[in-house]
Amino acid sequence: MKTKKIFLFMLSMLTINLNGYHEELNKLRESINESFINKPTADVVFKRKEKKSIEGEFQKFLNTDRMAQGALCIYEEGTSSAKLGVTQFSKDVKGDFVYKGKKLDDEIAIAVRNRTVSQAAAGVGTLIGALAFKNNSSEMCLLGAVIVAGGIAGWIINNNKANTLPEHLKAVHMMEEKWNHAFKINEDEE
């Protein structure tokens, strides 16, 4: 069965020449990035709430997509030049997963920091409002109320991000593991 898949994949590659072969791998990489790696966090979290997972969809993609299956077959059984191209492709996609993971880590750190700053702003606004009320300063009371409102809004927004981004990061790591397993990429190789 794998020989048939390799033959069909190579036949499709022969029709578009060697340059086209790399273009096809680039299209596959772009498709993986668009459909899985760079999916918006809201979409990833929504799928989880619907008892679906982007990781499951990614595994299904690896198991059924013609180009992905062809790349896997060449990786496993291909010859030198074709296998080198697919090996580089697999490492490039792994790099995309790593980059997205680092980017999400940074976004989580920013959200946690901003949540803390927003909490502090709400507290300072409350203090300003209380002191202004004590001193009968309506302008300062208004300022305190605005700071509290902004702090609470920032707190809610950043708390949501701080709670949902880790789910997205987990999904990216799980898809990366599936990719590494499919292409037999060892963490020590990187």
Protein backbone atom coordinates (compact mmCIF):
# COMPACT_ATOMS: atom_id res chain seq x y z
CA MET A 1 0.00 0.00 0.00
CA LYS A 2 2.82 2.41 0.87
CA THR A 3 4.52 1.68 -2.44
CA LYS A 4 1.32 2.64 -4.24
CA LYS A 5 1.12 5.91 -2.25
CA ILE A 6 4.75 6.70 -3.04
CA PHE A 7 4.20 5.95 -6.71
CA LEU A 8 1.11 8.18 -6.87
CA PHE A 9 2.86 10.96 -4.97
CA MET A 10 5.98 10.75 -7.16
CA LEU A 11 3.84 10.63 -10.30
CA SER A 12 2.10 13.83 -9.25
CA MET A 13 5.48 15.37 -8.48
CA LEU A 14 6.92 14.40 -11.88
CA THR A 15 4.20 16.34 -13.63
CA ILE A 16 5.32 19.59 -12.03
CA ASN A 17 9.17 19.18 -12.11
CA LEU A 18 11.59 19.43 -9.19
CA ASN A 19 10.91 23.11 -8.55
CA GLY A 20 7.21 22.37 -8.47
CA TYR A 21 7.87 19.58 -5.97
CA HIS A 22 9.22 22.11 -3.51
CA GLU A 23 6.29 24.39 -4.32
CA GLU A 24 3.90 21.57 -3.43
CA LEU A 25 5.68 21.03 -0.11
CA ASN A 26 5.51 24.78 0.52
CA LYS A 27 1.76 24.71 -0.20
CA LEU A 28 1.39 21.82 2.25
CA ARG A 29 3.36 23.76 4.87
CA GLU A 30 1.19 26.85 4.31
CA SER A 31 -1.93 24.70 4.63
CA ILE A 32 -0.69 23.19 7.90
CA ASN A 33 0.15 26.65 9.24
CA GLU A 34 -3.18 28.16 8.22
CA SER A 35 -5.41 25.26 9.23
CA PHE A 36 -3.69 24.18 12.43
CA ILE A 37 -0.61 26.02 13.74
CA ASN A 38 -1.83 29.61 13.38
CA LYS A 39 -5.49 28.97 14.16
CA PRO A 40 -6.88 31.78 16.34
CA THR A 41 -7.04 30.98 20.05
CA ALA A 42 -10.79 31.57 20.10
CA ASP A 43 -11.28 28.85 17.46
CA VAL A 44 -9.12 26.37 19.39
CA VAL A 45 -10.98 27.03 22.67
CA PHE A 46 -14.39 26.88 20.93
CA LYS A 47 -13.53 23.44 19.48
CA ARG A 48 -12.63 22.21 22.96
CA LYS A 49 -15.94 23.48 24.36
CA GLU A 50 -17.71 21.61 21.55
CA LYS A 51 -15.88 18.42 22.65
CA LYS A 52 -13.73 18.51 19.52
CA SER A 53 -10.03 19.11 19.30
CA ILE A 54 -7.75 20.68 16.77
CA GLU A 55 -5.22 17.96 17.67
CA GLY A 56 -7.68 15.28 16.56
CA GLU A 57 -8.34 17.13 13.33
CA PHE A 58 -4.58 17.42 12.79
CA GLN A 59 -4.11 13.67 13.30
CA LYS A 60 -6.93 13.01 10.83
CA PHE A 61 -5.21 15.38 8.37
CA LEU A 62 -1.91 13.50 8.75
CA ASN A 63 -3.71 10.20 8.20
CA THR A 64 -5.83 11.19 5.21
CA ASP A 65 -4.38 14.16 3.31
CA ARG A 66 -2.84 12.98 0.02
CA MET A 67 0.13 15.34 0.17
CA ALA A 68 0.81 14.67 3.85
CA GLN A 69 0.64 10.91 3.23
CA GLY A 70 2.92 11.23 0.21
CA ALA A 71 5.46 13.25 2.20
CA LEU A 72 5.36 10.68 5.01
CA CYS A 73 5.88 7.82 2.56
CA ILE A 74 8.83 9.53 0.92
CA TYR A 75 10.27 10.29 4.34
CA GLU A 76 9.98 6.64 5.33
CA GLU A 77 10.89 4.93 2.06
CA GLY A 78 12.08 7.57 -0.39
CA THR A 79 15.37 8.00 -2.17
CA SER A 80 18.11 10.49 -1.42
CA SER A 81 17.10 13.77 -3.11
CA ALA A 82 13.36 13.39 -2.51
CA LYS A 83 13.93 12.30 1.09
CA LEU A 84 16.26 15.25 1.73
CA GLY A 85 13.58 17.68 0.57
CA VAL A 86 10.92 16.05 2.74
CA THR A 87 13.29 15.88 5.71
CA GLN A 88 13.94 19.61 5.45
CA PHE A 89 10.21 20.22 5.03
CA SER A 90 9.45 18.21 8.20
CA LYS A 91 12.05 20.20 10.16
CA ASP A 92 10.64 23.48 8.81
CA VAL A 93 7.13 22.57 9.96
CA LYS A 94 8.51 21.51 13.36
CA GLY A 95 10.17 24.94 13.52
CA ASP A 96 6.76 26.51 12.83
CA PHE A 97 5.32 24.61 15.82
CA VAL A 98 8.22 25.69 18.04
CA TYR A 99 7.87 29.33 16.95
CA LYS A 100 4.12 29.32 17.64
CA GLY A 101 4.73 27.77 21.07
CA LYS A 102 7.24 30.48 21.97
CA LYS A 103 4.89 33.16 20.68
CA LEU A 104 2.04 31.80 22.82
CA ASP A 105 4.36 31.60 25.85
CA ASP A 106 5.14 35.30 25.36
CA GLU A 107 1.46 36.17 24.97
CA ILE A 108 0.64 34.30 28.19
CA ALA A 109 3.36 36.19 30.10
CA ILE A 110 2.07 39.52 28.75
CA ALA A 111 -1.54 38.67 29.65
CA VAL A 112 -0.58 37.66 33.21
CA ARG A 113 1.49 40.83 33.64
CA ASN A 114 -1.29 43.03 32.23
CA ARG A 115 -3.86 41.31 34.45
CA THR A 116 -1.73 42.16 37.50
CA VAL A 117 -1.29 45.78 36.36
CA SER A 118 -5.04 46.05 35.77
CA GLN A 119 -5.76 44.72 39.26
CA ALA A 120 -3.37 47.29 40.71
CA ALA A 121 -5.04 50.06 38.66
CA ALA A 122 -8.45 49.07 40.01
CA GLY A 123 -7.06 49.23 43.54
CA VAL A 124 -5.38 52.62 43.00
CA GLY A 125 -8.55 53.98 41.40
CA THR A 126 -10.56 52.85 44.40
CA LEU A 127 -8.08 54.52 46.75
CA ILE A 128 -8.14 57.76 44.74
CA GLY A 129 -11.94 57.72 44.69
CA ALA A 130 -12.18 57.10 48.43
CA LEU A 131 -9.71 59.88 49.26
CA ALA A 132 -11.45 62.28 46.88
CA PHE A 133 -14.85 61.44 48.33
CA LYS A 134 -13.50 62.13 51.81
CA ASN A 135 -12.20 65.51 50.61
CA ASN A 136 -15.38 66.34 48.61
CA SER A 137 -13.53 66.50 45.28
CA SER A 138 -15.96 65.44 42.57
CA GLU A 139 -13.33 65.67 39.78
CA MET A 140 -10.98 63.32 41.65
CA CYS A 141 -13.90 60.98 42.43
CA LEU A 142 -14.65 60.84 38.73
CA LEU A 143 -10.99 60.18 37.95
CA GLY A 144 -10.94 57.38 40.52
CA ALA A 145 -14.08 55.85 39.00
CA VAL A 146 -12.59 55.99 35.49
CA ILE A 147 -9.37 54.33 36.70
CA VAL A 148 -11.37 51.61 38.49
CA ALA A 149 -13.49 50.98 35.38
CA GLY A 150 -10.42 50.78 33.16
CA GLY A 151 -8.66 48.51 35.64
CA ILE A 152 -11.62 46.15 35.88
CA ALA A 153 -12.03 46.04 32.08
CA GLY A 154 -8.32 45.29 31.64
CA TRP A 155 -8.49 42.71 34.39
CA ILE A 156 -11.40 40.87 32.71
CA ILE A 157 -9.83 40.95 29.24
CA ASN A 158 -6.38 39.85 30.39
CA ASN A 159 -7.77 37.24 32.77
CA ASN A 160 -9.64 35.70 29.82
CA LYS A 161 -6.44 35.65 27.77
CA ALA A 162 -4.40 34.25 30.65
CA ASN A 163 -6.93 31.42 31.00
CA THR A 164 -7.43 30.55 27.31
CA LEU A 165 -3.93 30.92 25.85
CA PRO A 166 -2.58 27.93 27.84
CA GLU A 167 -5.24 25.72 26.22
CA HIS A 168 -4.03 26.87 22.81
CA LEU A 169 -0.41 26.27 23.82
CA LYS A 170 -1.28 22.74 24.97
CA ALA A 171 -2.96 22.05 21.62
CA VAL A 172 0.10 23.32 19.71
CA HIS A 173 2.40 21.10 21.80
CA MET A 174 0.17 18.08 21.21
CA MET A 175 0.13 18.68 17.44
CA GLU A 176 3.90 19.13 17.51
CA GLU A 177 4.22 15.75 19.26
CA LYS A 178 2.04 14.13 16.58
CA TRP A 179 4.23 15.73 13.89
CA ASN A 180 7.44 14.59 15.60
CA HIS A 181 6.04 11.07 15.93
CA ALA A 182 4.93 10.92 12.29
CA PHE A 183 8.29 12.14 10.99
CA LYS A 184 10.29 10.44 13.76
CA ILE A 185 11.86 13.73 14.82
CA ASN A 186 13.81 13.34 18.03
CA GLU A 187 14.04 16.31 20.40
CA ASP A 188 17.80 15.68 20.65
CA GLU A 189 18.21 16.29 16.91
CA GLU A 190 17.24 19.95 17.17
